[in-house]
Amino acid sequence: MKIRKTYKLALISAGLAISACEGKHNYAQKYYYYTEAGEQRTIKLPDGSTVELNTDTQMHVLFDDEIRKVIVSRGQAFFDVIDTDKRPFVVEGGTGTAKVIKGEVRR
């Protein structure tokens, strides 16, 4: 049984323009998740990673053959990232960006 490494990332964000962040990619998979005030939710992403959305949170998930990108436009999200996928996992929100590449977190 192979033990997979997971990486916890936490990111608090406020107001982010999604269209400006999509850049040159034509994402094959696009998802939108949100929680209402007082609601919390756990999401399993297509790559097997999980995200816990805190109350009053909005998040866009954009995946293609080269990158896994998550944009938190409001609220707070906690990530458990699967690192067996060769594509980088990028989280953008507020004033920061976090990137997981082969087990390394880069900002």
PDB file of N, CA and C in Angstrom:
ATOM      1  N   MET A   1       0.846  -1.175   0.000  1.00  0.00           N
ATOM      2  CA  MET A   1       0.000   0.000   0.000  1.00  0.00           C
ATOM      3  C   MET A   1       0.890   1.235   0.000  1.00  0.00           C
ATOM      4  N   LYS A   2       0.728   2.070  -0.983  1.00  0.00           N
ATOM      5  CA  LYS A   2       1.545   3.266  -1.118  1.00  0.00           C
ATOM      6  C   LYS A   2       0.942   4.400  -0.301  1.00  0.00           C
ATOM      7  N   ILE A   3       1.771   5.048   0.479  1.00  0.00           N
ATOM      8  CA  ILE A   3       1.307   6.176   1.278  1.00  0.00           C
ATOM      9  C   ILE A   3       1.491   7.441   0.455  1.00  0.00           C
ATOM     10  N   ARG A   4       0.434   8.208   0.311  1.00  0.00           N
ATOM     11  CA  ARG A   4       0.528   9.433  -0.470  1.00  0.00           C
ATOM     12  C   ARG A   4       0.828  10.602   0.444  1.00  0.00           C
ATOM     13  N   LYS A   5       1.615  11.521  -0.085  1.00  0.00           N
ATOM     14  CA  LYS A   5       1.936  12.726   0.672  1.00  0.00           C
ATOM     15  C   LYS A   5       0.832  13.745   0.445  1.00  0.00           C
ATOM     16  N   THR A   6       0.505  14.452   1.465  1.00  0.00           N
ATOM     17  CA  THR A   6      -0.481  15.513   1.331  1.00  0.00           C
ATOM     18  C   THR A   6       0.103  16.801   1.872  1.00  0.00           C
ATOM     19  N   TYR A   7      -0.383  17.860   1.341  1.00  0.00           N
ATOM     20  CA  TYR A   7       0.101  19.174   1.738  1.00  0.00           C
ATOM     21  C   TYR A   7      -1.083  20.054   2.075  1.00  0.00           C
ATOM     22  N   LYS A   8      -1.016  20.651   3.220  1.00  0.00           N
ATOM     23  CA  LYS A   8      -2.079  21.543   3.672  1.00  0.00           C
ATOM     24  C   LYS A   8      -1.713  22.970   3.301  1.00  0.00           C
ATOM     25  N   LEU A   9      -2.620  23.609   2.632  1.00  0.00           N
ATOM     26  CA  LEU A   9      -2.450  25.017   2.303  1.00  0.00           C
ATOM     27  C   LEU A   9      -3.673  25.750   2.817  1.00  0.00           C
ATOM     28  N   ALA A  10      -3.478  26.873   3.417  1.00  0.00           N
ATOM     29  CA  ALA A  10      -4.603  27.694   3.840  1.00  0.00           C
ATOM     30  C   ALA A  10      -4.450  29.054   3.190  1.00  0.00           C
ATOM     31  N   LEU A  11      -5.553  29.587   2.700  1.00  0.00           N
ATOM     32  CA  LEU A  11      -5.493  30.852   1.994  1.00  0.00           C
ATOM     33  C   LEU A  11      -6.748  31.644   2.268  1.00  0.00           C
ATOM     34  N   ILE A  12      -6.582  32.875   2.723  1.00  0.00           N
ATOM     35  CA  ILE A  12      -7.703  33.772   2.931  1.00  0.00           C
ATOM     36  C   ILE A  12      -7.670  34.782   1.803  1.00  0.00           C
ATOM     37  N   SER A  13      -8.823  35.040   1.195  1.00  0.00           N
ATOM     38  CA  SER A  13      -8.804  35.937   0.046  1.00  0.00           C
ATOM     39  C   SER A  13      -9.962  36.906   0.053  1.00  0.00           C
ATOM     40  N   ALA A  14      -9.810  37.931  -0.745  1.00  0.00           N
ATOM     41  CA  ALA A  14     -10.870  38.911  -0.939  1.00  0.00           C
ATOM     42  C   ALA A  14     -10.799  39.422  -2.360  1.00  0.00           C
ATOM     43  N   GLY A  15     -11.927  39.515  -3.036  1.00  0.00           N
ATOM     44  CA  GLY A  15     -12.101  40.075  -4.376  1.00  0.00           C
ATOM     45  C   GLY A  15     -11.005  39.806  -5.380  1.00  0.00           C
ATOM     46  N   LEU A  16     -11.249  38.938  -6.353  1.00  0.00           N
ATOM     47  CA  LEU A  16     -10.276  38.613  -7.382  1.00  0.00           C
ATOM     48  C   LEU A  16     -10.998  38.437  -8.696  1.00  0.00           C
ATOM     49  N   ALA A  17     -10.513  39.040  -9.764  1.00  0.00           N
ATOM     50  CA  ALA A  17     -11.157  38.930 -11.081  1.00  0.00           C
ATOM     51  C   ALA A  17     -10.743  37.624 -11.735  1.00  0.00           C
ATOM     52  N   ILE A  18     -11.688  36.721 -11.920  1.00  0.00           N
ATOM     53  CA  ILE A  18     -11.398  35.400 -12.450  1.00  0.00           C
ATOM     54  C   ILE A  18     -10.897  35.472 -13.889  1.00  0.00           C
ATOM     55  N   SER A  19     -11.529  36.252 -14.713  1.00  0.00           N
ATOM     56  CA  SER A  19     -11.145  36.297 -16.118  1.00  0.00           C
ATOM     57  C   SER A  19      -9.718  36.785 -16.310  1.00  0.00           C
ATOM     58  N   ALA A  20      -9.247  37.671 -15.481  1.00  0.00           N
ATOM     59  CA  ALA A  20      -7.882  38.183 -15.589  1.00  0.00           C
ATOM     60  C   ALA A  20      -6.866  37.115 -15.218  1.00  0.00           C
ATOM     61  N   CYS A  21      -7.258  36.162 -14.372  1.00  0.00           N
ATOM     62  CA  CYS A  21      -6.329  35.147 -13.897  1.00  0.00           C
ATOM     63  C   CYS A  21      -6.243  33.925 -14.806  1.00  0.00           C
ATOM     64  N   GLU A  22      -7.168  33.770 -15.717  1.00  0.00           N
ATOM     65  CA  GLU A  22      -7.162  32.587 -16.562  1.00  0.00           C
ATOM     66  C   GLU A  22      -6.023  32.595 -17.575  1.00  0.00           C
ATOM     67  N   GLY A  23      -5.502  33.762 -17.923  1.00  0.00           N
ATOM     68  CA  GLY A  23      -4.329  33.864 -18.781  1.00  0.00           C
ATOM     69  C   GLY A  23      -4.461  33.135 -20.093  1.00  0.00           C
ATOM     70  N   LYS A  24      -3.372  32.464 -20.514  1.00  0.00           N
ATOM     71  CA  LYS A  24      -3.306  31.832 -21.825  1.00  0.00           C
ATOM     72  C   LYS A  24      -3.985  30.467 -21.897  1.00  0.00           C
ATOM     73  N   HIS A  25      -4.334  29.884 -20.770  1.00  0.00           N
ATOM     74  CA  HIS A  25      -4.894  28.528 -20.761  1.00  0.00           C
ATOM     75  C   HIS A  25      -6.344  28.497 -21.223  1.00  0.00           C
ATOM     76  N   ASN A  26      -6.689  27.448 -21.927  1.00  0.00           N
ATOM     77  CA  ASN A  26      -8.070  27.153 -22.278  1.00  0.00           C
ATOM     78  C   ASN A  26      -8.445  25.933 -21.439  1.00  0.00           C
ATOM     79  N   TYR A  27      -8.938  26.177 -20.240  1.00  0.00           N
ATOM     80  CA  TYR A  27      -9.154  25.109 -19.265  1.00  0.00           C
ATOM     81  C   TYR A  27     -10.237  24.145 -19.711  1.00  0.00           C
ATOM     82  N   ALA A  28      -9.908  22.854 -19.689  1.00  0.00           N
ATOM     83  CA  ALA A  28     -10.836  21.807 -20.101  1.00  0.00           C
ATOM     84  C   ALA A  28     -11.896  21.557 -19.039  1.00  0.00           C
ATOM     85  N   GLN A  29     -11.528  21.732 -17.779  1.00  0.00           N
ATOM     86  CA  GLN A  29     -12.451  21.492 -16.674  1.00  0.00           C
ATOM     87  C   GLN A  29     -12.578  22.769 -15.856  1.00  0.00           C
ATOM     88  N   LYS A  30     -13.814  23.256 -15.710  1.00  0.00           N
ATOM     89  CA  LYS A  30     -14.076  24.452 -14.919  1.00  0.00           C
ATOM     90  C   LYS A  30     -15.194  24.149 -13.940  1.00  0.00           C
ATOM     91  N   TYR A  31     -14.963  24.484 -12.677  1.00  0.00           N
ATOM     92  CA  TYR A  31     -15.957  24.242 -11.635  1.00  0.00           C
ATOM     93  C   TYR A  31     -16.070  25.477 -10.756  1.00  0.00           C
ATOM     94  N   TYR A  32     -17.247  25.683 -10.193  1.00  0.00           N
ATOM     95  CA  TYR A  32     -17.482  26.798  -9.281  1.00  0.00           C
ATOM     96  C   TYR A  32     -18.138  26.236  -8.024  1.00  0.00           C
ATOM     97  N   TYR A  33     -17.578  26.552  -6.874  1.00  0.00           N
ATOM     98  CA  TYR A  33     -18.125  26.095  -5.597  1.00  0.00           C
ATOM     99  C   TYR A  33     -18.281  27.294  -4.676  1.00  0.00           C
ATOM    100  N   TYR A  34     -19.257  27.218  -3.793  1.00  0.00           N
ATOM    101  CA  TYR A  34     -19.454  28.305  -2.831  1.00  0.00           C
ATOM    102  C   TYR A  34     -20.155  27.776  -1.599  1.00  0.00           C
ATOM    103  N   THR A  35     -20.050  28.558  -0.526  1.00  0.00           N
ATOM    104  CA  THR A  35     -20.823  28.287   0.679  1.00  0.00           C
ATOM    105  C   THR A  35     -21.534  29.573   1.076  1.00  0.00           C
ATOM    106  N   GLU A  36     -22.696  29.404   1.671  1.00  0.00           N
ATOM    107  CA  GLU A  36     -23.476  30.532   2.190  1.00  0.00           C
ATOM    108  C   GLU A  36     -22.937  30.902   3.572  1.00  0.00           C
ATOM    109  N   ALA A  37     -23.347  32.038   4.083  1.00  0.00           N
ATOM    110  CA  ALA A  37     -22.967  32.445   5.437  1.00  0.00           C
ATOM    111  C   ALA A  37     -23.426  31.374   6.426  1.00  0.00           C
ATOM    112  N   GLY A  38     -22.518  30.918   7.285  1.00  0.00           N
ATOM    113  CA  GLY A  38     -22.826  29.892   8.280  1.00  0.00           C
ATOM    114  C   GLY A  38     -22.655  28.464   7.782  1.00  0.00           C
ATOM    115  N   GLU A  39     -22.425  28.262   6.491  1.00  0.00           N
ATOM    116  CA  GLU A  39     -22.285  26.922   5.904  1.00  0.00           C
ATOM    117  C   GLU A  39     -20.810  26.578   5.721  1.00  0.00           C
ATOM    118  N   GLN A  40     -20.449  25.316   5.904  1.00  0.00           N
ATOM    119  CA  GLN A  40     -19.118  24.806   5.597  1.00  0.00           C
ATOM    120  C   GLN A  40     -19.292  23.575   4.729  1.00  0.00           C
ATOM    121  N   ARG A  41     -18.306  23.304   3.869  1.00  0.00           N
ATOM    122  CA  ARG A  41     -18.469  22.229   2.902  1.00  0.00           C
ATOM    123  C   ARG A  41     -17.110  21.636   2.535  1.00  0.00           C
ATOM    124  N   THR A  42     -17.053  20.321   2.347  1.00  0.00           N
ATOM    125  CA  THR A  42     -15.846  19.644   1.882  1.00  0.00           C
ATOM    126  C   THR A  42     -16.084  19.173   0.447  1.00  0.00           C
ATOM    127  N   ILE A  43     -15.132  19.510  -0.437  1.00  0.00           N
ATOM    128  CA  ILE A  43     -15.240  19.195  -1.865  1.00  0.00           C
ATOM    129  C   ILE A  43     -14.100  18.249  -2.240  1.00  0.00           C
ATOM    130  N   LYS A  44     -14.396  17.208  -3.033  1.00  0.00           N
ATOM    131  CA  LYS A  44     -13.351  16.363  -3.602  1.00  0.00           C
ATOM    132  C   LYS A  44     -13.161  16.805  -5.049  1.00  0.00           C
ATOM    133  N   LEU A  45     -11.949  17.239  -5.383  1.00  0.00           N
ATOM    134  CA  LEU A  45     -11.643  17.717  -6.725  1.00  0.00           C
ATOM    135  C   LEU A  45     -11.383  16.544  -7.670  1.00  0.00           C
ATOM    136  N   PRO A  46     -11.439  16.775  -8.984  1.00  0.00           N
ATOM    137  CA  PRO A  46     -11.258  15.687  -9.958  1.00  0.00           C
ATOM    138  C   PRO A  46      -9.918  14.947  -9.844  1.00  0.00           C
ATOM    139  N   ASP A  47      -8.879  15.604  -9.310  1.00  0.00           N
ATOM    140  CA  ASP A  47      -7.571  14.952  -9.173  1.00  0.00           C
ATOM    141  C   ASP A  47      -7.444  14.160  -7.872  1.00  0.00           C
ATOM    142  N   GLY A  48      -8.476  14.191  -7.023  1.00  0.00           N
ATOM    143  CA  GLY A  48      -8.439  13.483  -5.754  1.00  0.00           C
ATOM    144  C   GLY A  48      -8.110  14.365  -4.563  1.00  0.00           C
ATOM    145  N   SER A  49      -7.639  15.583  -4.805  1.00  0.00           N
ATOM    146  CA  SER A  49      -7.387  16.537  -3.719  1.00  0.00           C
ATOM    147  C   SER A  49      -8.712  16.918  -3.079  1.00  0.00           C
ATOM    148  N   THR A  50      -8.655  17.376  -1.825  1.00  0.00           N
ATOM    149  CA  THR A  50      -9.877  17.827  -1.167  1.00  0.00           C
ATOM    150  C   THR A  50      -9.715  19.272  -0.703  1.00  0.00           C
ATOM    151  N   VAL A  51     -10.847  19.962  -0.641  1.00  0.00           N
ATOM    152  CA  VAL A  51     -10.882  21.353  -0.206  1.00  0.00           C
ATOM    153  C   VAL A  51     -11.991  21.498   0.814  1.00  0.00           C
ATOM    154  N   GLU A  52     -11.688  22.146   1.929  1.00  0.00           N
ATOM    155  CA  GLU A  52     -12.702  22.479   2.919  1.00  0.00           C
ATOM    156  C   GLU A  52     -13.005  23.960   2.783  1.00  0.00           C
ATOM    157  N   LEU A  53     -14.235  24.277   2.397  1.00  0.00           N
ATOM    158  CA  LEU A  53     -14.652  25.669   2.259  1.00  0.00           C
ATOM    159  C   LEU A  53     -15.254  26.134   3.564  1.00  0.00           C
ATOM    160  N   ASN A  54     -14.750  27.242   4.066  1.00  0.00           N
ATOM    161  CA  ASN A  54     -15.301  27.831   5.277  1.00  0.00           C
ATOM    162  C   ASN A  54     -16.544  28.636   4.896  1.00  0.00           C
ATOM    163  N   THR A  55     -17.172  29.236   5.858  1.00  0.00           N
ATOM    164  CA  THR A  55     -18.400  29.969   5.637  1.00  0.00           C
ATOM    165  C   THR A  55     -18.211  31.145   4.669  1.00  0.00           C
ATOM    166  N   ASP A  56     -19.211  31.404   3.851  1.00  0.00           N
ATOM    167  CA  ASP A  56     -19.255  32.534   2.917  1.00  0.00           C
ATOM    168  C   ASP A  56     -18.015  32.592   2.020  1.00  0.00           C
ATOM    169  N   THR A  57     -17.760  31.495   1.316  1.00  0.00           N
ATOM    170  CA  THR A  57     -16.570  31.361   0.464  1.00  0.00           C
ATOM    171  C   THR A  57     -16.979  31.095  -0.974  1.00  0.00           C
ATOM    172  N   GLN A  58     -16.207  31.651  -1.920  1.00  0.00           N
ATOM    173  CA  GLN A  58     -16.392  31.382  -3.351  1.00  0.00           C
ATOM    174  C   GLN A  58     -15.071  30.900  -3.932  1.00  0.00           C
ATOM    175  N   MET A  59     -15.137  29.861  -4.778  1.00  0.00           N
ATOM    176  CA  MET A  59     -13.927  29.279  -5.330  1.00  0.00           C
ATOM    177  C   MET A  59     -14.175  28.779  -6.751  1.00  0.00           C
ATOM    178  N   HIS A  60     -13.246  29.067  -7.654  1.00  0.00           N
ATOM    179  CA  HIS A  60     -13.268  28.543  -9.015  1.00  0.00           C
ATOM    180  C   HIS A  60     -12.130  27.537  -9.156  1.00  0.00           C
ATOM    181  N   VAL A  61     -12.401  26.417  -9.808  1.00  0.00           N
ATOM    182  CA  VAL A  61     -11.395  25.384 -10.047  1.00  0.00           C
ATOM    183  C   VAL A  61     -11.228  25.276 -11.555  1.00  0.00           C
ATOM    184  N   LEU A  62      -9.976  25.402 -12.018  1.00  0.00           N
ATOM    185  CA  LEU A  62      -9.667  25.390 -13.442  1.00  0.00           C
ATOM    186  C   LEU A  62      -8.553  24.379 -13.681  1.00  0.00           C
ATOM    187  N   PHE A  63      -8.866  23.290 -14.375  1.00  0.00           N
ATOM    188  CA  PHE A  63      -7.885  22.241 -14.643  1.00  0.00           C
ATOM    189  C   PHE A  63      -7.712  22.082 -16.143  1.00  0.00           C
ATOM    190  N   ASP A  64      -6.470  21.832 -16.572  1.00  0.00           N
ATOM    191  CA  ASP A  64      -6.222  21.412 -17.949  1.00  0.00           C
ATOM    192  C   ASP A  64      -5.071  20.408 -17.926  1.00  0.00           C
ATOM    193  N   ASP A  65      -4.492  20.100 -19.079  1.00  0.00           N
ATOM    194  CA  ASP A  65      -3.432  19.094 -19.140  1.00  0.00           C
ATOM    195  C   ASP A  65      -2.127  19.549 -18.512  1.00  0.00           C
ATOM    196  N   GLU A  66      -1.953  20.863 -18.296  1.00  0.00           N
ATOM    197  CA  GLU A  66      -0.697  21.390 -17.797  1.00  0.00           C
ATOM    198  C   GLU A  66      -0.734  21.871 -16.343  1.00  0.00           C
ATOM    199  N   ILE A  67      -1.899  22.255 -15.858  1.00  0.00           N
ATOM    200  CA  ILE A  67      -1.958  22.911 -14.549  1.00  0.00           C
ATOM    201  C   ILE A  67      -3.286  22.631 -13.846  1.00  0.00           C
ATOM    202  N   ARG A  68      -3.231  22.630 -12.505  1.00  0.00           N
ATOM    203  CA  ARG A  68      -4.429  22.581 -11.674  1.00  0.00           C
ATOM    204  C   ARG A  68      -4.470  23.909 -10.936  1.00  0.00           C
ATOM    205  N   LYS A  69      -5.459  24.731 -11.215  1.00  0.00           N
ATOM    206  CA  LYS A  69      -5.514  26.072 -10.636  1.00  0.00           C
ATOM    207  C   LYS A  69      -6.816  26.268  -9.875  1.00  0.00           C
ATOM    208  N   VAL A  70      -6.695  26.845  -8.679  1.00  0.00           N
ATOM    209  CA  VAL A  70      -7.855  27.170  -7.856  1.00  0.00           C
ATOM    210  C   VAL A  70      -7.775  28.658  -7.528  1.00  0.00           C
ATOM    211  N   ILE A  71      -8.880  29.352  -7.713  1.00  0.00           N
ATOM    212  CA  ILE A  71      -8.940  30.774  -7.405  1.00  0.00           C
ATOM    213  C   ILE A  71     -10.005  30.973  -6.331  1.00  0.00           C
ATOM    214  N   VAL A  72      -9.567  31.417  -5.159  1.00  0.00           N
ATOM    215  CA  VAL A  72     -10.477  31.687  -4.055  1.00  0.00           C
ATOM    216  C   VAL A  72     -10.795  33.182  -4.119  1.00  0.00           C
ATOM    217  N   SER A  73     -12.014  33.508  -4.532  1.00  0.00           N
ATOM    218  CA  SER A  73     -12.366  34.912  -4.735  1.00  0.00           C
ATOM    219  C   SER A  73     -12.960  35.559  -3.490  1.00  0.00           C
ATOM    220  N   ARG A  74     -13.382  34.732  -2.534  1.00  0.00           N
ATOM    221  CA  ARG A  74     -13.899  35.270  -1.274  1.00  0.00           C
ATOM    222  C   ARG A  74     -13.845  34.175  -0.223  1.00  0.00           C
ATOM    223  N   GLY A  75     -13.520  34.562   0.998  1.00  0.00           N
ATOM    224  CA  GLY A  75     -13.594  33.617   2.106  1.00  0.00           C
ATOM    225  C   GLY A  75     -12.298  32.886   2.386  1.00  0.00           C
ATOM    226  N   GLN A  76     -12.443  31.646   2.856  1.00  0.00           N
ATOM    227  CA  GLN A  76     -11.310  30.864   3.335  1.00  0.00           C
ATOM    228  C   GLN A  76     -11.459  29.421   2.892  1.00  0.00           C
ATOM    229  N   ALA A  77     -10.349  28.819   2.421  1.00  0.00           N
ATOM    230  CA  ALA A  77     -10.358  27.425   1.982  1.00  0.00           C
ATOM    231  C   ALA A  77      -9.093  26.737   2.479  1.00  0.00           C
ATOM    232  N   PHE A  78      -9.228  25.465   2.879  1.00  0.00           N
ATOM    233  CA  PHE A  78      -8.112  24.646   3.343  1.00  0.00           C
ATOM    234  C   PHE A  78      -7.953  23.493   2.379  1.00  0.00           C
ATOM    235  N   PHE A  79      -6.725  23.246   1.916  1.00  0.00           N
ATOM    236  CA  PHE A  79      -6.469  22.276   0.855  1.00  0.00           C
ATOM    237  C   PHE A  79      -5.651  21.092   1.358  1.00  0.00           C
ATOM    238  N   ASP A  80      -6.033  19.894   0.917  1.00  0.00           N
ATOM    239  CA  ASP A  80      -5.261  18.671   1.099  1.00  0.00           C
ATOM    240  C   ASP A  80      -4.949  18.213  -0.322  1.00  0.00           C
ATOM    241  N   VAL A  81      -3.722  18.503  -0.784  1.00  0.00           N
ATOM    242  CA  VAL A  81      -3.366  18.344  -2.193  1.00  0.00           C
ATOM    243  C   VAL A  81      -2.690  17.006  -2.441  1.00  0.00           C
ATOM    244  N   ILE A  82      -3.159  16.289  -3.450  1.00  0.00           N
ATOM    245  CA  ILE A  82      -2.544  15.044  -3.901  1.00  0.00           C
ATOM    246  C   ILE A  82      -1.314  15.410  -4.724  1.00  0.00           C
ATOM    247  N   ASP A  83      -0.148  14.899  -4.363  1.00  0.00           N
ATOM    248  CA  ASP A  83       1.055  15.265  -5.113  1.00  0.00           C
ATOM    249  C   ASP A  83       1.486  14.192  -6.109  1.00  0.00           C
ATOM    250  N   THR A  84       0.668  13.159  -6.302  1.00  0.00           N
ATOM    251  CA  THR A  84       1.018  12.136  -7.288  1.00  0.00           C
ATOM    252  C   THR A  84       0.704  12.592  -8.707  1.00  0.00           C
ATOM    253  N   ASP A  85      -0.081  13.641  -8.850  1.00  0.00           N
ATOM    254  CA  ASP A  85      -0.382  14.233 -10.148  1.00  0.00           C
ATOM    255  C   ASP A  85       0.807  15.105 -10.539  1.00  0.00           C
ATOM    256  N   LYS A  86       1.305  14.970 -11.750  1.00  0.00           N
ATOM    257  CA  LYS A  86       2.505  15.688 -12.189  1.00  0.00           C
ATOM    258  C   LYS A  86       2.259  17.174 -12.465  1.00  0.00           C
ATOM    259  N   ARG A  87       0.997  17.563 -12.620  1.00  0.00           N
ATOM    260  CA  ARG A  87       0.695  18.973 -12.886  1.00  0.00           C
ATOM    261  C   ARG A  87       0.850  19.786 -11.610  1.00  0.00           C
ATOM    262  N   PRO A  88       1.384  21.010 -11.718  1.00  0.00           N
ATOM    263  CA  PRO A  88       1.445  21.872 -10.533  1.00  0.00           C
ATOM    264  C   PRO A  88       0.046  22.217 -10.038  1.00  0.00           C
ATOM    265  N   PHE A  89      -0.090  22.395  -8.744  1.00  0.00           N
ATOM    266  CA  PHE A  89      -1.343  22.799  -8.123  1.00  0.00           C
ATOM    267  C   PHE A  89      -1.143  24.224  -7.626  1.00  0.00           C
ATOM    268  N   VAL A  90      -1.888  25.167  -8.195  1.00  0.00           N
ATOM    269  CA  VAL A  90      -1.717  26.584  -7.890  1.00  0.00           C
ATOM    270  C   VAL A  90      -2.988  27.107  -7.237  1.00  0.00           C
ATOM    271  N   VAL A  91      -2.820  27.811  -6.117  1.00  0.00           N
ATOM    272  CA  VAL A  91      -3.948  28.445  -5.445  1.00  0.00           C
ATOM    273  C   VAL A  91      -3.701  29.949  -5.458  1.00  0.00           C
ATOM    274  N   GLU A  92      -4.659  30.692  -5.985  1.00  0.00           N
ATOM    275  CA  GLU A  92      -4.566  32.146  -6.009  1.00  0.00           C
ATOM    276  C   GLU A  92      -5.702  32.730  -5.191  1.00  0.00           C
ATOM    277  N   GLY A  93      -5.403  33.812  -4.498  1.00  0.00           N
ATOM    278  CA  GLY A  93      -6.439  34.481  -3.732  1.00  0.00           C
ATOM    279  C   GLY A  93      -5.889  35.695  -3.016  1.00  0.00           C
ATOM    280  N   GLY A  94      -6.713  36.704  -2.894  1.00  0.00           N
ATOM    281  CA  GLY A  94      -6.297  37.901  -2.176  1.00  0.00           C
ATOM    282  C   GLY A  94      -5.011  38.471  -2.724  1.00  0.00           C
ATOM    283  N   THR A  95      -3.994  38.495  -1.892  1.00  0.00           N
ATOM    284  CA  THR A  95      -2.713  39.071  -2.289  1.00  0.00           C
ATOM    285  C   THR A  95      -1.636  38.032  -2.523  1.00  0.00           C
ATOM    286  N   GLY A  96      -1.984  36.754  -2.545  1.00  0.00           N
ATOM    287  CA  GLY A  96      -0.935  35.750  -2.654  1.00  0.00           C
ATOM    288  C   GLY A  96      -1.259  34.598  -3.582  1.00  0.00           C
ATOM    289  N   THR A  97      -0.196  33.857  -3.905  1.00  0.00           N
ATOM    290  CA  THR A  97      -0.292  32.651  -4.716  1.00  0.00           C
ATOM    291  C   THR A  97       0.581  31.589  -4.063  1.00  0.00           C
ATOM    292  N   ALA A  98       0.072  30.364  -3.992  1.00  0.00           N
ATOM    293  CA  ALA A  98       0.854  29.233  -3.491  1.00  0.00           C
ATOM    294  C   ALA A  98       0.868  28.171  -4.572  1.00  0.00           C
ATOM    295  N   LYS A  99       2.026  27.512  -4.747  1.00  0.00           N
ATOM    296  CA  LYS A  99       2.163  26.505  -5.796  1.00  0.00           C
ATOM    297  C   LYS A  99       2.807  25.250  -5.217  1.00  0.00           C
ATOM    298  N   VAL A 100       2.230  24.076  -5.507  1.00  0.00           N
ATOM    299  CA  VAL A 100       2.802  22.799  -5.098  1.00  0.00           C
ATOM    300  C   VAL A 100       3.339  22.125  -6.358  1.00  0.00           C
ATOM    301  N   ILE A 101       4.658  21.877  -6.380  1.00  0.00           N
ATOM    302  CA  ILE A 101       5.289  21.192  -7.510  1.00  0.00           C
ATOM    303  C   ILE A 101       6.124  20.050  -6.956  1.00  0.00           C
ATOM    304  N   LYS A 102       5.746  18.830  -7.272  1.00  0.00           N
ATOM    305  CA  LYS A 102       6.478  17.640  -6.837  1.00  0.00           C
ATOM    306  C   LYS A 102       6.828  17.696  -5.353  1.00  0.00           C
ATOM    307  N   GLY A 103       5.860  18.019  -4.554  1.00  0.00           N
ATOM    308  CA  GLY A 103       6.055  18.001  -3.110  1.00  0.00           C
ATOM    309  C   GLY A 103       6.639  19.258  -2.517  1.00  0.00           C
ATOM    310  N   GLU A 104       6.869  20.284  -3.326  1.00  0.00           N
ATOM    311  CA  GLU A 104       7.417  21.539  -2.810  1.00  0.00           C
ATOM    312  C   GLU A 104       6.365  22.630  -2.910  1.00  0.00           C
ATOM    313  N   VAL A 105       6.285  23.445  -1.876  1.00  0.00           N
ATOM    314  CA  VAL A 105       5.380  24.582  -1.907  1.00  0.00           C
ATOM    315  C   VAL A 105       6.191  25.804  -2.308  1.00  0.00           C
ATOM    316  N   ARG A 106       5.733  26.479  -3.364  1.00  0.00           N
ATOM    317  CA  ARG A 106       6.422  27.686  -3.830  1.00  0.00           C
ATOM    318  C   ARG A 106       5.463  28.849  -3.819  1.00  0.00           C
ATOM    319  N   ARG A 107       5.973  30.022  -3.446  1.00  0.00           N
ATOM    320  CA  ARG A 107       5.128  31.225  -3.419  1.00  0.00           C
ATOM    321  C   ARG A 107       5.655  32.248  -4.391  1.00  0.00           C
TER     322      ARG A 107
END
